Amino acid sequence: MQRRMTTIAVTGALLAVSATFEPDATACSLPGYSALRAPVSIPPSLFAPAAPSQAAIPSGDSGGSIVGLWFVTFSSGGAVVDQAFDAWHSDGTEILNDLTNPIEGNVCLGAWTQTGPQTFKLKHPSWTFDSSGNLTGVAYIIESVTVASGGGTYEGNYSIYFYDTSGNPEGSFQGTIKANRVLPD
């Protein structure tokens, strides 16, 4: 039932941001944006100090690791479209929990790899549905990010690629990402 009710309102949100493409609903949203309410812009400083201590960085790392918990802000066209807590695991998997209503499917799963010094690529597969809850295809949310020196922040770009159930491309959407590491007290 939860997946049948996922992010039906994302079509209107994407139309407002990108007049070139009108997608159906996705399980992980935009990623996670809901047109039912305006996104909340929570200051990243609530979750992490500007300069983390080396004790907060994963052991054996000089600050370039993506492994850990992050507070992420997704933007497009200068507007915040989503915010989330994002846990990157050392085994190459990732779990994102965004501010979308849980009934819309606010948890995404992904897989990541390191592509260079302090740079990483993430892929989130997601189902897409029409407003009646019928499967219409898949969306792939792709992120390319770079962890800053010191390991307290990362930033980069994301793209969402939509495909129908036959694998035919149906459009895309792009934006930017900024994240702050969430540290224990």
Protein backbone atom coordinates (compact mmCIF):
# COMPACT_ATOMS: atom_id res chain seq x y z
CA MET A 1 0.00 0.00 0.00
CA GLN A 2 2.84 2.42 0.88
CA ARG A 3 4.44 2.15 -2.56
CA ARG A 4 1.06 2.68 -4.28
CA MET A 5 0.75 6.06 -2.55
CA THR A 6 4.29 7.33 -3.20
CA THR A 7 4.86 10.91 -4.14
CA ILE A 8 1.89 11.40 -6.42
CA ALA A 9 2.35 15.16 -6.18
CA VAL A 10 5.90 15.16 -7.58
CA THR A 11 4.58 15.84 -11.09
CA GLY A 12 3.48 19.32 -10.11
CA ALA A 13 6.77 19.97 -8.31
CA LEU A 14 8.83 19.02 -11.32
CA LEU A 15 6.65 21.11 -13.64
CA ALA A 16 7.29 24.11 -11.46
CA VAL A 17 11.04 23.56 -11.63
CA SER A 18 11.41 22.19 -15.15
CA ALA A 19 8.92 22.99 -17.90
CA THR A 20 10.57 20.50 -20.25
CA PHE A 21 9.51 17.26 -18.56
CA GLU A 22 6.43 15.91 -16.78
CA PRO A 23 7.22 12.67 -14.86
CA ASP A 24 4.96 10.35 -12.95
CA ALA A 25 5.43 9.80 -9.21
CA THR A 26 8.60 8.16 -7.94
CA ALA A 27 9.20 6.08 -4.84
CA CYS A 28 12.10 8.27 -3.72
CA SER A 29 10.61 11.52 -4.99
CA LEU A 30 12.74 14.42 -6.28
CA PRO A 31 14.58 12.85 -4.42
CA GLY A 32 11.86 13.20 -1.83
CA TYR A 33 10.25 16.52 -2.80
CA SER A 34 6.51 16.80 -2.29
CA ALA A 35 4.40 19.52 -3.90
CA LEU A 36 1.85 19.08 -1.11
CA ARG A 37 3.87 21.51 1.00
CA ALA A 38 6.81 23.85 0.51
CA PRO A 39 10.16 22.30 1.45
CA VAL A 40 11.58 23.28 4.80
CA SER A 41 15.05 24.74 4.70
CA ILE A 42 16.72 23.59 7.91
CA PRO A 43 20.11 25.21 8.59
CA PRO A 44 22.87 22.58 8.30
CA SER A 45 24.56 24.13 11.36
CA LEU A 46 21.93 22.44 13.55
CA PHE A 47 23.50 19.07 12.77
CA ALA A 48 27.26 19.60 12.55
CA PRO A 49 29.90 22.11 13.56
CA ALA A 50 31.76 23.90 10.75
CA ALA A 51 35.00 21.99 11.44
CA PRO A 52 34.69 18.39 12.67
CA SER A 53 37.31 16.97 14.97
CA GLN A 54 39.52 14.25 13.54
CA ALA A 55 37.90 11.88 16.07
CA ALA A 56 34.65 12.19 14.07
CA ILE A 57 36.28 11.11 10.80
CA PRO A 58 36.29 7.34 10.11
CA SER A 59 39.50 5.73 11.40
CA GLY A 60 42.45 5.52 9.02
CA ASP A 61 41.19 8.48 6.97
CA SER A 62 42.60 11.98 6.60
CA GLY A 63 39.17 13.49 6.09
CA GLY A 64 38.21 12.45 2.56
CA SER A 65 35.89 9.57 3.44
CA ILE A 66 32.23 9.63 2.46
CA VAL A 67 31.43 7.00 5.12
CA GLY A 68 29.19 8.37 7.85
CA LEU A 69 25.96 10.27 8.40
CA TRP A 70 25.28 13.49 6.47
CA PHE A 71 22.64 16.22 6.42
CA VAL A 72 22.04 16.89 2.71
CA THR A 73 20.32 19.77 0.91
CA PHE A 74 19.18 19.24 -2.70
CA SER A 75 18.65 22.36 -4.84
CA SER A 76 17.59 23.08 -8.39
CA GLY A 77 17.43 26.45 -10.10
CA GLY A 78 18.50 28.12 -6.86
CA ALA A 79 15.59 26.66 -4.85
CA VAL A 80 15.85 24.03 -2.10
CA VAL A 81 13.83 21.02 -3.30
CA ASP A 82 14.67 18.49 -0.59
CA GLN A 83 16.65 17.88 2.58
CA ALA A 84 17.63 14.51 4.02
CA PHE A 85 19.76 12.48 6.38
CA ASP A 86 22.05 10.28 4.29
CA ALA A 87 24.07 7.35 5.70
CA TRP A 88 26.95 6.15 3.50
CA HIS A 89 28.27 2.73 4.61
CA SER A 90 31.77 1.29 4.17
CA ASP A 91 30.37 -1.68 2.19
CA GLY A 92 29.31 0.59 -0.72
CA THR A 93 25.63 0.87 0.21
CA GLU A 94 23.72 3.96 1.28
CA ILE A 95 20.38 4.84 2.89
CA LEU A 96 18.74 8.26 2.50
CA ASN A 97 15.82 9.38 4.69
CA ASP A 98 14.33 12.61 3.38
CA LEU A 99 11.67 14.99 4.69
CA THR A 100 8.91 13.59 2.48
CA ASN A 101 5.87 12.21 4.27
CA PRO A 102 6.63 8.52 5.02
CA ILE A 103 3.43 7.44 3.25
CA GLU A 104 5.04 8.76 0.03
CA GLY A 105 8.15 6.61 0.44
CA ASN A 106 10.78 8.75 2.13
CA VAL A 107 13.58 6.16 2.32
CA CYS A 108 15.89 5.48 -0.64
CA LEU A 109 18.53 2.81 -1.01
CA GLY A 110 21.63 3.24 -3.11
CA ALA A 111 25.03 1.89 -4.05
CA TRP A 112 28.19 3.99 -4.30
CA THR A 113 31.78 3.78 -5.46
CA GLN A 114 34.82 6.01 -5.13
CA THR A 115 35.76 7.53 -8.50
CA GLY A 116 38.84 9.54 -7.50
CA PRO A 117 40.48 11.29 -4.55
CA GLN A 118 37.61 12.36 -2.28
CA THR A 119 35.08 11.92 -5.14
CA PHE A 120 32.18 9.48 -5.19
CA LYS A 121 29.33 8.37 -7.42
CA LEU A 122 25.99 7.15 -6.04
CA LYS A 123 23.08 5.43 -7.80
CA HIS A 124 19.52 5.17 -6.38
CA PRO A 125 17.11 2.99 -8.35
CA SER A 126 13.47 3.88 -7.78
CA TRP A 127 10.08 2.72 -9.07
CA THR A 128 7.72 5.21 -10.76
CA PHE A 129 3.91 5.15 -10.61
CA ASP A 130 0.98 6.99 -12.15
CA SER A 131 -1.59 8.82 -10.01
CA SER A 132 -3.64 5.59 -9.71
CA GLY A 133 -0.70 3.67 -8.26
CA ASN A 134 0.14 1.70 -11.44
CA LEU A 135 3.80 0.95 -12.13
CA THR A 136 5.01 3.14 -15.03
CA GLY A 137 8.76 2.49 -14.96
CA VAL A 138 11.90 3.35 -13.05
CA ALA A 139 13.95 6.38 -12.13
CA TYR A 140 17.66 6.41 -11.43
CA ILE A 141 18.94 9.14 -9.15
CA ILE A 142 22.66 9.62 -9.86
CA GLU A 143 24.89 11.72 -7.61
CA SER A 144 28.51 12.79 -8.15
CA VAL A 145 30.01 14.42 -5.04
CA THR A 146 33.35 15.53 -3.64
CA VAL A 147 34.20 15.50 0.08
CA ALA A 148 35.97 18.71 1.13
CA SER A 149 39.38 18.71 2.74
CA GLY A 150 38.87 17.97 6.43
CA GLY A 151 35.84 15.74 5.74
CA GLY A 152 33.14 17.97 7.25
CA THR A 153 31.21 18.75 4.05
CA TYR A 154 30.60 17.51 0.53
CA GLU A 155 29.00 18.97 -2.56
CA GLY A 156 28.25 17.99 -6.12
CA ASN A 157 25.49 17.36 -8.62
CA TYR A 158 22.53 15.02 -9.00
CA SER A 159 20.47 13.91 -11.98
CA ILE A 160 17.29 11.86 -12.11
CA TYR A 161 16.70 9.78 -15.25
CA PHE A 162 13.21 8.41 -15.94
CA TYR A 163 12.43 5.26 -17.99
CA ASP A 164 9.16 3.55 -18.90
CA THR A 165 8.55 -0.16 -18.21
CA SER A 166 10.13 -1.04 -21.58
CA GLY A 167 13.33 0.82 -20.70
CA ASN A 168 12.70 3.80 -23.00
CA PRO A 169 14.00 7.16 -21.68
CA GLU A 170 11.28 9.59 -20.60
CA GLY A 171 13.29 12.59 -19.42
CA SER A 172 15.62 13.84 -16.72
CA PHE A 173 16.01 16.42 -13.99
CA GLN A 174 19.20 17.95 -12.52
CA GLY A 175 20.37 19.93 -9.49
CA THR A 176 23.10 20.45 -6.91
CA ILE A 177 23.85 18.91 -3.52
CA LYS A 178 25.52 20.29 -0.39
CA ALA A 179 26.01 18.22 2.76
CA ASN A 180 27.34 18.59 6.29
CA ARG A 181 28.62 15.63 8.29
CA VAL A 182 26.43 14.80 11.32
CA LEU A 183 28.63 14.23 14.35
CA PRO A 184 28.01 12.66 17.75
CA ASP A 185 28.00 15.09 20.68
